[in-house]
Protein backbone atom coordinates (compact mmCIF):
# COMPACT_ATOMS: atom_id res chain seq x y z
CA UNK A 1 -171.87 43.16 15.36
CA UNK A 2 -168.74 44.65 16.85
CA UNK A 3 -167.40 47.91 15.43
CA UNK A 4 -163.97 49.47 15.84
CA UNK A 5 -163.29 53.19 15.40
CA UNK A 6 -159.63 54.15 14.95
CA UNK A 7 -158.28 57.33 16.54
CA UNK A 8 -155.25 58.96 14.92
CA UNK A 9 -153.52 62.08 16.26
CA UNK A 10 -155.76 64.82 14.87
CA UNK A 11 -158.92 62.73 14.46
CA UNK A 12 -161.95 64.77 15.50
CA UNK A 13 -164.94 62.70 14.37
CA UNK A 14 -164.11 59.46 16.17
CA UNK A 15 -166.36 60.19 19.12
CA UNK A 16 -169.21 61.19 16.78
CA UNK A 17 -169.03 57.76 15.17
CA UNK A 18 -168.80 55.98 18.50
CA UNK A 19 -171.85 57.89 19.74
CA UNK A 20 -173.95 56.91 16.73
CA UNK A 21 -172.86 53.25 16.76
CA UNK A 22 -173.18 52.81 20.53
CA UNK A 23 -176.02 55.08 21.59
CA UNK A 24 -178.24 55.27 18.52
CA UNK A 25 -177.70 51.84 16.96
CA UNK A 26 -176.94 50.03 20.26
CA UNK A 27 -173.99 48.15 18.78
CA UNK A 28 -170.85 47.00 20.58
CA UNK A 29 -168.18 49.56 19.71
CA UNK A 30 -164.54 49.95 20.73
CA UNK A 31 -162.07 52.77 20.27
CA UNK A 32 -158.85 51.62 18.59
CA UNK A 33 -155.64 53.60 19.14
CA UNK A 34 -153.43 54.22 16.10
CA UNK A 35 -150.36 52.65 17.74
CA UNK A 36 -152.15 49.39 18.51
CA UNK A 37 -151.77 46.17 16.54
CA UNK A 38 -154.98 44.69 17.93
CA UNK A 39 -158.30 45.11 16.10
CA UNK A 40 -160.02 43.42 19.06
CA UNK A 41 -161.95 40.96 16.88
CA UNK A 42 -164.07 43.69 15.35
CA UNK A 43 -166.37 42.86 12.45
CA UNK A 44 -166.03 46.28 10.84
CA UNK A 45 -163.46 49.06 11.15
CA UNK A 46 -164.14 52.79 10.72
CA UNK A 47 -161.50 55.40 9.93
CA UNK A 48 -163.01 58.72 11.04
CA UNK A 49 -162.77 62.27 9.78
CA UNK A 50 -160.38 64.88 11.11
CA UNK A 51 -156.88 66.10 10.35
CA UNK A 52 -154.67 63.09 11.01
CA UNK A 53 -151.13 64.20 11.86
CA UNK A 54 -152.16 67.76 11.04
CA UNK A 55 -152.68 66.88 7.36
CA UNK A 56 -148.99 67.51 6.75
CA UNK A 57 -147.70 66.26 3.39
CA UNK A 58 -150.80 64.95 1.61
CA UNK A 59 -153.95 64.33 3.61
CA UNK A 60 -153.79 60.81 5.06
CA UNK A 61 -150.23 60.22 3.85
CA UNK A 62 -148.72 59.95 7.35
CA UNK A 63 -151.66 58.15 8.97
CA UNK A 64 -151.31 55.47 6.31
CA UNK A 65 -148.08 54.43 8.11
CA UNK A 66 -149.60 54.27 11.60
CA UNK A 67 -149.00 50.82 13.15
CA UNK A 68 -152.68 49.92 13.19
CA UNK A 69 -152.93 50.39 9.43
CA UNK A 70 -150.90 47.23 8.91
CA UNK A 71 -153.69 45.35 10.66
CA UNK A 72 -156.45 47.29 8.86
CA UNK A 73 -154.91 46.58 5.45
CA UNK A 74 -154.51 42.88 6.25
CA UNK A 75 -158.08 42.76 7.60
CA UNK A 76 -159.45 44.38 4.43
CA UNK A 77 -157.40 42.16 2.12
CA UNK A 78 -158.96 39.14 3.85
CA UNK A 79 -162.45 40.47 3.15
CA UNK A 80 -163.10 42.41 6.35
CA UNK A 81 -165.34 45.46 6.19
CA UNK A 82 -163.59 48.83 6.41
CA UNK A 83 -165.09 52.28 5.97
CA UNK A 84 -163.35 55.65 5.84
CA UNK A 85 -165.20 58.95 6.17
CA UNK A 86 -163.61 62.20 4.97
CA UNK A 87 -160.03 61.99 6.29
CA UNK A 88 -160.60 58.25 6.62
CA UNK A 89 -161.40 58.11 2.89
CA UNK A 90 -158.15 59.95 2.18
CA UNK A 91 -156.23 57.45 4.33
CA UNK A 92 -157.79 54.50 2.47
CA UNK A 93 -156.69 55.99 -0.86
CA UNK A 94 -153.18 56.62 0.44
CA UNK A 95 -152.98 53.05 1.73
CA UNK A 96 -154.00 51.60 -1.65
CA UNK A 97 -157.20 50.03 -0.33
CA UNK A 98 -159.18 52.36 -2.59
CA UNK A 99 -158.18 53.76 -6.00
CA UNK A 100 -157.59 57.42 -6.75
CA UNK A 101 -156.68 60.34 -4.54
CA UNK A 102 -158.40 63.30 -2.89
CA UNK A 103 -156.91 66.60 -3.97
CA UNK A 104 -157.55 70.27 -3.18
CA UNK A 105 -161.08 71.53 -3.80
CA UNK A 106 -161.25 73.31 -7.13
CA UNK A 107 -162.12 76.60 -5.41
CA UNK A 108 -159.04 76.18 -3.19
CA UNK A 109 -161.15 76.76 -0.07
CA UNK A 110 -162.37 74.74 2.89
CA UNK A 111 -166.05 73.88 2.36
CA UNK A 112 -168.44 73.20 5.24
CA UNK A 113 -172.09 72.92 4.24
CA UNK A 114 -175.00 70.56 3.70
CA UNK A 115 -175.03 68.97 0.26
CA UNK A 116 -177.07 66.26 -1.45
CA UNK A 117 -175.81 62.88 -2.61
CA UNK A 118 -177.52 60.00 -4.40
CA UNK A 119 -176.68 56.30 -4.09
CA UNK A 120 -175.32 54.87 -7.36
CA UNK A 121 -174.43 51.28 -6.51
CA UNK A 122 -177.39 50.24 -4.37
CA UNK A 123 -176.19 46.70 -3.74
CA UNK A 124 -173.44 47.20 -1.15
CA UNK A 125 -173.34 46.78 2.60
CA UNK A 126 -173.74 50.50 3.21
CA UNK A 127 -176.30 51.32 0.49
CA UNK A 128 -178.53 48.27 0.16
CA UNK A 129 -181.24 49.46 2.53
CA UNK A 130 -181.16 53.18 1.77
CA UNK A 131 -184.74 54.13 0.96
CA UNK A 132 -184.40 57.76 -0.10
CA UNK A 133 -183.32 58.76 -3.61
CA UNK A 134 -181.24 61.65 -2.27
CA UNK A 135 -179.62 62.19 1.12
CA UNK A 136 -178.78 65.52 2.72
CA UNK A 137 -175.37 65.04 4.33
CA UNK A 138 -172.84 67.67 5.49
CA UNK A 139 -169.34 67.99 4.09
CA UNK A 140 -166.35 69.62 5.78
CA UNK A 141 -163.13 69.40 3.80
CA UNK A 142 -160.48 71.26 1.84
CA UNK A 143 -159.22 68.21 -0.08
CA UNK A 144 -162.33 66.38 -1.21
CA UNK A 145 -161.83 66.56 -4.95
CA UNK A 146 -161.69 62.92 -6.13
CA UNK A 147 -159.20 62.41 -8.93
CA UNK A 148 -157.66 59.48 -10.79
CA UNK A 149 -156.26 58.77 -14.23
CA UNK A 150 -158.52 57.89 -17.14
CA UNK A 151 -157.79 54.16 -17.02
CA UNK A 152 -158.61 53.98 -13.30
CA UNK A 153 -161.80 55.98 -13.79
CA UNK A 154 -162.93 53.61 -16.52
CA UNK A 155 -162.24 50.64 -14.24
CA UNK A 156 -164.23 52.25 -11.39
CA UNK A 157 -167.20 52.69 -13.70
CA UNK A 158 -166.98 49.22 -15.25
CA UNK A 159 -166.82 47.55 -11.83
CA UNK A 160 -169.71 49.59 -10.40
CA UNK A 161 -167.50 51.09 -7.69
CA UNK A 162 -169.19 54.49 -7.41
CA UNK A 163 -171.19 54.54 -4.17
CA UNK A 164 -172.45 58.13 -4.17
CA UNK A 165 -172.50 61.14 -6.46
CA UNK A 166 -173.06 64.76 -5.53
CA UNK A 167 -176.43 65.92 -6.81
CA UNK A 168 -179.09 68.57 -6.29
CA UNK A 169 -182.18 68.15 -4.12
CA UNK A 170 -183.98 66.44 -7.01
CA UNK A 171 -181.19 63.97 -7.70
CA UNK A 172 -179.77 65.70 -10.76
CA UNK A 173 -176.04 65.14 -11.14
CA UNK A 174 -174.49 68.21 -12.73
CA UNK A 175 -171.67 70.70 -12.44
CA UNK A 176 -173.73 73.03 -10.26
CA UNK A 177 -174.23 70.30 -7.65
CA UNK A 178 -170.52 69.41 -7.50
CA UNK A 179 -169.05 71.20 -4.45
CA UNK A 180 -165.37 70.39 -4.98
CA UNK A 181 -164.68 69.43 -8.60
CA UNK A 182 -164.65 65.64 -8.13
CA UNK A 183 -164.55 63.60 -11.32
CA UNK A 184 -168.06 62.44 -12.23
CA UNK A 185 -169.34 64.19 -9.08
CA UNK A 186 -167.95 61.25 -7.08
CA UNK A 187 -168.69 61.54 -3.35
CA UNK A 188 -167.83 57.96 -2.39
CA UNK A 189 -166.45 54.74 -3.85
CA UNK A 190 -165.85 51.11 -2.95
CA UNK A 191 -163.15 48.64 -3.94
CA UNK A 192 -163.68 45.92 -6.52
CA UNK A 193 -164.66 43.34 -3.91
CA UNK A 194 -167.02 45.83 -2.22
CA UNK A 195 -165.80 45.38 1.34
CA UNK A 196 -163.91 48.70 1.61
CA UNK A 197 -165.87 51.95 1.46
CA UNK A 198 -164.88 55.60 1.38
CA UNK A 199 -166.92 58.78 1.26
CA UNK A 200 -166.22 62.48 1.84
CA UNK A 201 -169.61 63.53 3.30
CA UNK A 202 -170.19 62.90 7.02
CA UNK A 203 -173.19 60.60 7.63
CA UNK A 204 -172.41 60.53 11.37
CA UNK A 205 -173.25 64.24 11.46
CA UNK A 206 -176.71 63.53 10.09
CA UNK A 207 -177.83 60.58 12.18
CA UNK A 208 -179.50 62.00 15.29
CA UNK A 209 -182.86 63.70 15.74
CA UNK A 210 -181.18 66.45 17.80
CA UNK A 211 -179.24 67.43 14.68
CA UNK A 212 -182.56 67.79 12.83
CA UNK A 213 -181.26 65.50 10.10
CA UNK A 214 -181.29 61.71 10.17
CA UNK A 215 -180.53 60.98 6.50
CA UNK A 216 -177.14 59.53 7.42
CA UNK A 217 -178.81 57.01 9.71
CA UNK A 218 -180.07 55.15 6.64
CA UNK A 219 -176.50 54.27 5.76
CA UNK A 220 -175.69 53.01 9.26
CA UNK A 221 -178.97 51.10 9.48
CA UNK A 222 -178.11 49.42 6.19
CA UNK A 223 -174.86 48.14 7.69
CA UNK A 224 -176.51 46.81 10.83
CA UNK A 225 -179.49 45.24 9.05
CA UNK A 226 -177.29 43.41 6.58
CA UNK A 227 -174.92 42.04 9.19
CA UNK A 228 -177.29 41.04 11.99
CA UNK A 229 -180.17 39.97 9.80
CA UNK A 230 -182.69 42.56 10.99
């Protein structure tokens, strides 16, 4: 499988993703520049975390208009796999590939800590082979509070679009385990056709033994196993 990782001005997790995909998973991986119109025949595109364009206006609002996003949107609308992590999730929402929006954390502060999430829809490309009931994954964001109107939220639930919810170490989903105020403790969602994925936690920061946490590797392994038939 060939992966593409987009770099926007202000991206700071692109090399983390490339390292995991190339060096840990041994997959062909290319770095895609935001001004390019060529996805280089990739099978899956990642939009990484960071502060694209300095997070001016709303987070992801400027990156959504980068030239490469025309190709990413077209690729996704044709069924191609696209995943956004943190700032990448925000960009996907701004581009309309995912519903809702990420707003300011309810404590109005930047949060950087390890949290726990639990898979909700366990039948997607990125969750199908996750074995653990809860994953310890770090977050690092100021605008990670998932919000949408009531009608959209109902649609997300009815179409089984919730990928992950914030929880405690035992898998309990409650207000105490919600770090940012997200509706329904939502940490990640997919689109209706389940080929576009977004999540605020950073699995690439929990996918190497030298980080003393490999919970995020389960997510990446799920992608590779499903696509190459391992």
